[in-house]
Amino acid sequence: MESKRGQELSTNAIIMIVIGIIVLVVLILGFTIGWDKLLPFFSTNNVQNIQTTCSSACATGNQYDYCSLPRTLKASDLPGNPSNGQVVGNCTFFATNPNYQKYGIGVCDTITCSS
């Protein structure tokens, strides 16, 4: 009876070690190659994030963030249906381009961007 109980504890310990190693490998891969490449099905769109950052840049008068900082818009229904489901542009591009106005990224009246 005593040896059977010890065997059960050993099996549980081995299972926990294997699960720990799997979790560690996933974390290492996620931080080294990037979570977008490891788990692409979790981040389907970031439209709300782009709307918030662009309106924040407009409200604070941050011309560089609004006019020049490249942002990657991810959505499943992008115009032209790009293969990777993402388009890179700045807030001005998304706000003034008729193809992207449906995402609600507003034009900033307080910042003038030079082309």
C-alpha atoms as a PDB file:
ATOM      1  CA  MET A   1       0.000   0.000   0.000  1.00  0.00           C
ATOM      2  CA  GLU A   2       2.748   2.481   0.869  1.00  0.00           C
ATOM      3  CA  SER A   3       4.580   2.124  -2.463  1.00  0.00           C
ATOM      4  CA  LYS A   4       1.384   2.626  -4.453  1.00  0.00           C
ATOM      5  CA  ARG A   5       0.797   6.014  -2.819  1.00  0.00           C
ATOM      6  CA  GLY A   6       4.356   7.114  -3.593  1.00  0.00           C
ATOM      7  CA  GLN A   7       3.912   6.167  -7.247  1.00  0.00           C
ATOM      8  CA  GLU A   8       0.765   8.320  -7.491  1.00  0.00           C
ATOM      9  CA  LEU A   9       2.593  11.329  -6.110  1.00  0.00           C
ATOM     10  CA  SER A  10       5.395  10.827  -8.593  1.00  0.00           C
ATOM     11  CA  THR A  11       2.963  10.670 -11.526  1.00  0.00           C
ATOM     12  CA  ASN A  12       1.284  13.890 -10.415  1.00  0.00           C
ATOM     13  CA  ALA A  13       4.639  15.605 -10.067  1.00  0.00           C
ATOM     14  CA  ILE A  14       5.676  14.545 -13.578  1.00  0.00           C
ATOM     15  CA  ILE A  15       2.394  15.820 -15.040  1.00  0.00           C
ATOM     16  CA  MET A  16       2.809  19.170 -13.293  1.00  0.00           C
ATOM     17  CA  ILE A  17       6.393  19.474 -14.553  1.00  0.00           C
ATOM     18  CA  VAL A  18       5.305  18.768 -18.146  1.00  0.00           C
ATOM     19  CA  ILE A  19       2.491  21.349 -17.923  1.00  0.00           C
ATOM     20  CA  GLY A  20       4.932  23.875 -16.466  1.00  0.00           C
ATOM     21  CA  ILE A  21       7.397  23.319 -19.311  1.00  0.00           C
ATOM     22  CA  ILE A  22       4.642  23.748 -21.926  1.00  0.00           C
ATOM     23  CA  VAL A  23       3.508  27.029 -20.341  1.00  0.00           C
ATOM     24  CA  LEU A  24       7.109  28.238 -20.163  1.00  0.00           C
ATOM     25  CA  VAL A  25       7.706  27.439 -23.850  1.00  0.00           C
ATOM     26  CA  VAL A  26       4.526  29.296 -24.880  1.00  0.00           C
ATOM     27  CA  LEU A  27       5.563  32.343 -22.836  1.00  0.00           C
ATOM     28  CA  ILE A  28       9.070  32.355 -24.312  1.00  0.00           C
ATOM     29  CA  LEU A  29       7.717  32.070 -27.860  1.00  0.00           C
ATOM     30  CA  GLY A  30       5.116  34.777 -27.233  1.00  0.00           C
ATOM     31  CA  PHE A  31       7.657  37.278 -25.975  1.00  0.00           C
ATOM     32  CA  THR A  32      10.349  36.488 -28.556  1.00  0.00           C
ATOM     33  CA  ILE A  33       8.401  36.180 -31.831  1.00  0.00           C
ATOM     34  CA  GLY A  34       5.427  38.306 -30.748  1.00  0.00           C
ATOM     35  CA  TRP A  35       1.934  37.480 -29.605  1.00  0.00           C
ATOM     36  CA  ASP A  36       0.383  38.549 -32.921  1.00  0.00           C
ATOM     37  CA  LYS A  37       2.255  35.834 -34.780  1.00  0.00           C
ATOM     38  CA  LEU A  38       1.753  33.200 -32.100  1.00  0.00           C
ATOM     39  CA  LEU A  39      -1.972  33.802 -31.518  1.00  0.00           C
ATOM     40  CA  PRO A  40      -3.339  35.700 -34.526  1.00  0.00           C
ATOM     41  CA  PHE A  41      -6.917  34.565 -33.946  1.00  0.00           C
ATOM     42  CA  PHE A  42      -7.235  36.516 -30.681  1.00  0.00           C
ATOM     43  CA  SER A  43      -6.658  40.002 -32.110  1.00  0.00           C
ATOM     44  CA  THR A  44      -9.214  40.368 -34.897  1.00  0.00           C
ATOM     45  CA  ASN A  45      -9.449  44.158 -34.902  1.00  0.00           C
ATOM     46  CA  ASN A  46      -8.099  47.222 -33.136  1.00  0.00           C
ATOM     47  CA  VAL A  47     -10.444  49.873 -34.508  1.00  0.00           C
ATOM     48  CA  GLN A  48     -11.472  51.098 -31.064  1.00  0.00           C
ATOM     49  CA  ASN A  49      -7.816  51.454 -30.048  1.00  0.00           C
ATOM     50  CA  ILE A  50      -6.981  53.507 -33.166  1.00  0.00           C
ATOM     51  CA  GLN A  51     -10.060  55.724 -32.595  1.00  0.00           C
ATOM     52  CA  THR A  52      -9.040  56.376 -29.002  1.00  0.00           C
ATOM     53  CA  THR A  53      -5.388  57.140 -29.717  1.00  0.00           C
ATOM     54  CA  CYS A  54      -6.207  59.430 -32.640  1.00  0.00           C
ATOM     55  CA  SER A  55      -8.818  61.385 -30.688  1.00  0.00           C
ATOM     56  CA  SER A  56      -6.406  61.626 -27.753  1.00  0.00           C
ATOM     57  CA  ALA A  57      -3.668  62.985 -30.019  1.00  0.00           C
ATOM     58  CA  CYS A  58      -6.124  65.545 -31.400  1.00  0.00           C
ATOM     59  CA  ALA A  59      -7.366  66.584 -27.956  1.00  0.00           C
ATOM     60  CA  THR A  60      -3.829  67.112 -26.646  1.00  0.00           C
ATOM     61  CA  GLY A  61      -2.675  68.899 -29.800  1.00  0.00           C
ATOM     62  CA  ASN A  62       0.045  66.344 -30.454  1.00  0.00           C
ATOM     63  CA  GLN A  63       0.787  66.983 -34.120  1.00  0.00           C
ATOM     64  CA  TYR A  64       3.396  64.241 -34.500  1.00  0.00           C
ATOM     65  CA  ASP A  65       1.138  61.530 -33.075  1.00  0.00           C
ATOM     66  CA  TYR A  66      -1.792  62.608 -35.229  1.00  0.00           C
ATOM     67  CA  CYS A  67      -0.017  63.437 -38.490  1.00  0.00           C
ATOM     68  CA  SER A  68       3.090  61.264 -38.641  1.00  0.00           C
ATOM     69  CA  LEU A  69       3.022  58.310 -36.263  1.00  0.00           C
ATOM     70  CA  PRO A  70       2.256  55.157 -38.276  1.00  0.00           C
ATOM     71  CA  ARG A  71      -0.580  53.042 -36.924  1.00  0.00           C
ATOM     72  CA  THR A  72      -1.635  49.583 -38.043  1.00  0.00           C
ATOM     73  CA  LEU A  73      -5.391  49.230 -38.481  1.00  0.00           C
ATOM     74  CA  LYS A  74      -6.582  45.630 -38.177  1.00  0.00           C
ATOM     75  CA  ALA A  75     -10.086  44.701 -39.268  1.00  0.00           C
ATOM     76  CA  SER A  76     -11.717  41.832 -41.106  1.00  0.00           C
ATOM     77  CA  ASP A  77     -13.571  44.074 -43.583  1.00  0.00           C
ATOM     78  CA  LEU A  78     -10.776  46.355 -44.805  1.00  0.00           C
ATOM     79  CA  PRO A  79     -11.190  47.908 -48.272  1.00  0.00           C
ATOM     80  CA  GLY A  80      -9.306  46.014 -50.943  1.00  0.00           C
ATOM     81  CA  ASN A  81      -9.254  42.965 -48.637  1.00  0.00           C
ATOM     82  CA  PRO A  82      -5.500  42.881 -47.863  1.00  0.00           C
ATOM     83  CA  SER A  83      -4.158  39.380 -47.299  1.00  0.00           C
ATOM     84  CA  ASN A  84      -2.933  40.062 -43.769  1.00  0.00           C
ATOM     85  CA  GLY A  85      -6.026  42.038 -42.705  1.00  0.00           C
ATOM     86  CA  GLN A  86      -4.096  45.166 -41.788  1.00  0.00           C
ATOM     87  CA  VAL A  87      -3.354  48.585 -43.234  1.00  0.00           C
ATOM     88  CA  VAL A  88      -0.641  50.979 -42.048  1.00  0.00           C
ATOM     89  CA  GLY A  89      -1.324  54.701 -42.020  1.00  0.00           C
ATOM     90  CA  ASN A  90      -1.523  57.703 -39.723  1.00  0.00           C
ATOM     91  CA  CYS A  91      -4.612  59.270 -38.180  1.00  0.00           C
ATOM     92  CA  THR A  92      -4.897  61.801 -41.022  1.00  0.00           C
ATOM     93  CA  PHE A  93      -4.861  59.011 -43.602  1.00  0.00           C
ATOM     94  CA  PHE A  94      -7.622  57.062 -41.869  1.00  0.00           C
ATOM     95  CA  ALA A  95      -9.713  60.165 -41.130  1.00  0.00           C
ATOM     96  CA  THR A  96      -9.596  61.687 -44.637  1.00  0.00           C
ATOM     97  CA  ASN A  97      -9.557  58.587 -46.856  1.00  0.00           C
ATOM     98  CA  PRO A  98     -13.169  57.763 -47.821  1.00  0.00           C
ATOM     99  CA  ASN A  99     -12.430  54.032 -47.692  1.00  0.00           C
ATOM    100  CA  TYR A 100     -11.657  54.191 -43.961  1.00  0.00           C
ATOM    101  CA  GLN A 101     -14.165  56.786 -42.730  1.00  0.00           C
ATOM    102  CA  LYS A 102     -16.579  54.016 -41.766  1.00  0.00           C
ATOM    103  CA  TYR A 103     -14.268  53.150 -38.858  1.00  0.00           C
ATOM    104  CA  GLY A 104     -15.090  56.455 -37.150  1.00  0.00           C
ATOM    105  CA  ILE A 105     -11.621  57.976 -36.924  1.00  0.00           C
ATOM    106  CA  GLY A 106     -12.461  61.657 -36.897  1.00  0.00           C
ATOM    107  CA  VAL A 107     -10.764  64.561 -38.602  1.00  0.00           C
ATOM    108  CA  CYS A 108      -8.969  66.862 -36.172  1.00  0.00           C
ATOM    109  CA  ASP A 109      -9.889  70.528 -36.649  1.00  0.00           C
ATOM    110  CA  THR A 110      -7.238  71.819 -34.231  1.00  0.00           C
ATOM    111  CA  ILE A 111      -4.211  70.228 -35.971  1.00  0.00           C
ATOM    112  CA  THR A 112      -3.067  71.042 -39.487  1.00  0.00           C
ATOM    113  CA  CYS A 113      -0.940  68.347 -41.075  1.00  0.00           C
ATOM    114  CA  SER A 114       1.491  69.153 -43.844  1.00  0.00           C
ATOM    115  CA  SER A 115       1.627  66.613 -46.660  1.00  0.00           C
END
